[in-house]
Amino acid sequence: MLVYTGMSLLASFLLESVLRSWHARLPEIVDATDGLVATALKAKRALETDDPQALGSALDEYWRLMKNIAASA
């Protein structure tokens, strides 16, 4: 589902901010990116074992981590 919020987001600004935070090794960004890797591996396992519930859970966790990264940037 796609929902229009009316809010604009400058992706280049967000990316630049996240990269600065990553290079500064800010704990919240480093922890979140470590979580993204772990969650991607969970999603991979869910796909390999044909487990749609685990895949949905991994995607939900991944989305929450991405939102945290965006909010921290």
C-alpha atoms as a PDB file:
ATOM      1  CA  MET A   1       0.000   0.000   0.000  1.00  0.00           C
ATOM      2  CA  LEU A   2       1.241   3.464  -0.841  1.00  0.00           C
ATOM      3  CA  VAL A   3       0.101   6.416   1.239  1.00  0.00           C
ATOM      4  CA  TYR A   4       0.660  10.043   0.279  1.00  0.00           C
ATOM      5  CA  THR A   5       1.538  12.093   3.354  1.00  0.00           C
ATOM      6  CA  GLY A   6       2.132  15.414   1.653  1.00  0.00           C
ATOM      7  CA  MET A   7       5.559  15.633   3.268  1.00  0.00           C
ATOM      8  CA  SER A   8       8.588  16.080   1.063  1.00  0.00           C
ATOM      9  CA  LEU A   9      11.843  14.363   1.823  1.00  0.00           C
ATOM     10  CA  LEU A  10      15.109  15.324   0.265  1.00  0.00           C
ATOM     11  CA  ALA A  11      16.743  11.931  -0.065  1.00  0.00           C
ATOM     12  CA  SER A  12      20.152  13.400  -0.823  1.00  0.00           C
ATOM     13  CA  PHE A  13      20.070  15.418   2.410  1.00  0.00           C
ATOM     14  CA  LEU A  14      19.004  12.342   4.381  1.00  0.00           C
ATOM     15  CA  LEU A  15      21.714  10.190   2.824  1.00  0.00           C
ATOM     16  CA  GLU A  16      24.366  12.819   3.483  1.00  0.00           C
ATOM     17  CA  SER A  17      23.288  13.092   7.106  1.00  0.00           C
ATOM     18  CA  VAL A  18      23.288   9.321   7.624  1.00  0.00           C
ATOM     19  CA  LEU A  19      26.724   8.994   6.051  1.00  0.00           C
ATOM     20  CA  ARG A  20      28.110  11.743   8.301  1.00  0.00           C
ATOM     21  CA  SER A  21      26.654   9.958  11.326  1.00  0.00           C
ATOM     22  CA  TRP A  22      28.119   6.654  10.146  1.00  0.00           C
ATOM     23  CA  HIS A  23      31.591   8.149   9.659  1.00  0.00           C
ATOM     24  CA  ALA A  24      31.337   9.746  13.106  1.00  0.00           C
ATOM     25  CA  ARG A  25      30.503   6.243  14.401  1.00  0.00           C
ATOM     26  CA  LEU A  26      27.443   7.474  16.286  1.00  0.00           C
ATOM     27  CA  PRO A  27      26.243   4.476  18.309  1.00  0.00           C
ATOM     28  CA  GLU A  28      22.589   4.745  17.259  1.00  0.00           C
ATOM     29  CA  ILE A  29      23.515   4.650  13.561  1.00  0.00           C
ATOM     30  CA  VAL A  30      26.107   1.888  13.937  1.00  0.00           C
ATOM     31  CA  ASP A  31      23.700  -0.239  15.999  1.00  0.00           C
ATOM     32  CA  ALA A  32      20.900   0.337  13.510  1.00  0.00           C
ATOM     33  CA  THR A  33      23.047  -0.629  10.525  1.00  0.00           C
ATOM     34  CA  ASP A  34      24.227  -3.758  12.344  1.00  0.00           C
ATOM     35  CA  GLY A  35      20.556  -4.516  12.934  1.00  0.00           C
ATOM     36  CA  LEU A  36      19.798  -4.019   9.238  1.00  0.00           C
ATOM     37  CA  VAL A  37      22.410  -6.624   8.306  1.00  0.00           C
ATOM     38  CA  ALA A  38      21.095  -9.106  10.879  1.00  0.00           C
ATOM     39  CA  THR A  39      17.515  -8.528   9.763  1.00  0.00           C
ATOM     40  CA  ALA A  40      18.429  -8.970   6.098  1.00  0.00           C
ATOM     41  CA  LEU A  41      19.938 -12.335   7.002  1.00  0.00           C
ATOM     42  CA  LYS A  42      16.706 -13.271   8.819  1.00  0.00           C
ATOM     43  CA  ALA A  43      14.741 -12.336   5.699  1.00  0.00           C
ATOM     44  CA  LYS A  44      17.059 -14.440   3.560  1.00  0.00           C
ATOM     45  CA  ARG A  45      16.560 -17.458   5.817  1.00  0.00           C
ATOM     46  CA  ALA A  46      12.801 -16.928   5.770  1.00  0.00           C
ATOM     47  CA  LEU A  47      12.818 -16.926   1.967  1.00  0.00           C
ATOM     48  CA  GLU A  48      15.021 -20.016   1.827  1.00  0.00           C
ATOM     49  CA  THR A  49      12.728 -21.913   4.205  1.00  0.00           C
ATOM     50  CA  ASP A  50       9.508 -20.604   2.650  1.00  0.00           C
ATOM     51  CA  ASP A  51       8.369 -19.011   5.913  1.00  0.00           C
ATOM     52  CA  PRO A  52       6.160 -16.018   5.018  1.00  0.00           C
ATOM     53  CA  GLN A  53       5.448 -15.145   8.656  1.00  0.00           C
ATOM     54  CA  ALA A  54       9.163 -14.887   9.472  1.00  0.00           C
ATOM     55  CA  LEU A  55       9.681 -12.864   6.293  1.00  0.00           C
ATOM     56  CA  GLY A  56       6.940 -10.440   7.302  1.00  0.00           C
ATOM     57  CA  SER A  57       8.452 -10.096  10.756  1.00  0.00           C
ATOM     58  CA  ALA A  58      11.900  -9.429   9.279  1.00  0.00           C
ATOM     59  CA  LEU A  59      10.523  -6.821   6.870  1.00  0.00           C
ATOM     60  CA  ASP A  60       8.674  -5.104   9.707  1.00  0.00           C
ATOM     61  CA  GLU A  61      11.833  -5.009  11.830  1.00  0.00           C
ATOM     62  CA  TYR A  62      13.860  -3.731   8.862  1.00  0.00           C
ATOM     63  CA  TRP A  63      11.334  -0.936   8.266  1.00  0.00           C
ATOM     64  CA  ARG A  64      11.462   0.114  11.944  1.00  0.00           C
ATOM     65  CA  LEU A  65      15.260   0.221  11.854  1.00  0.00           C
ATOM     66  CA  MET A  66      15.183   2.332   8.676  1.00  0.00           C
ATOM     67  CA  LYS A  67      12.753   4.760  10.316  1.00  0.00           C
ATOM     68  CA  ASN A  68      15.088   5.037  13.311  1.00  0.00           C
ATOM     69  CA  ILE A  69      18.008   5.796  11.031  1.00  0.00           C
ATOM     70  CA  ALA A  70      16.030   8.489   9.231  1.00  0.00           C
ATOM     71  CA  ALA A  71      14.901  10.014  12.525  1.00  0.00           C
ATOM     72  CA  SER A  72      18.471  10.032  13.860  1.00  0.00           C
ATOM     73  CA  ALA A  73      19.870  11.724  10.772  1.00  0.00           C
END
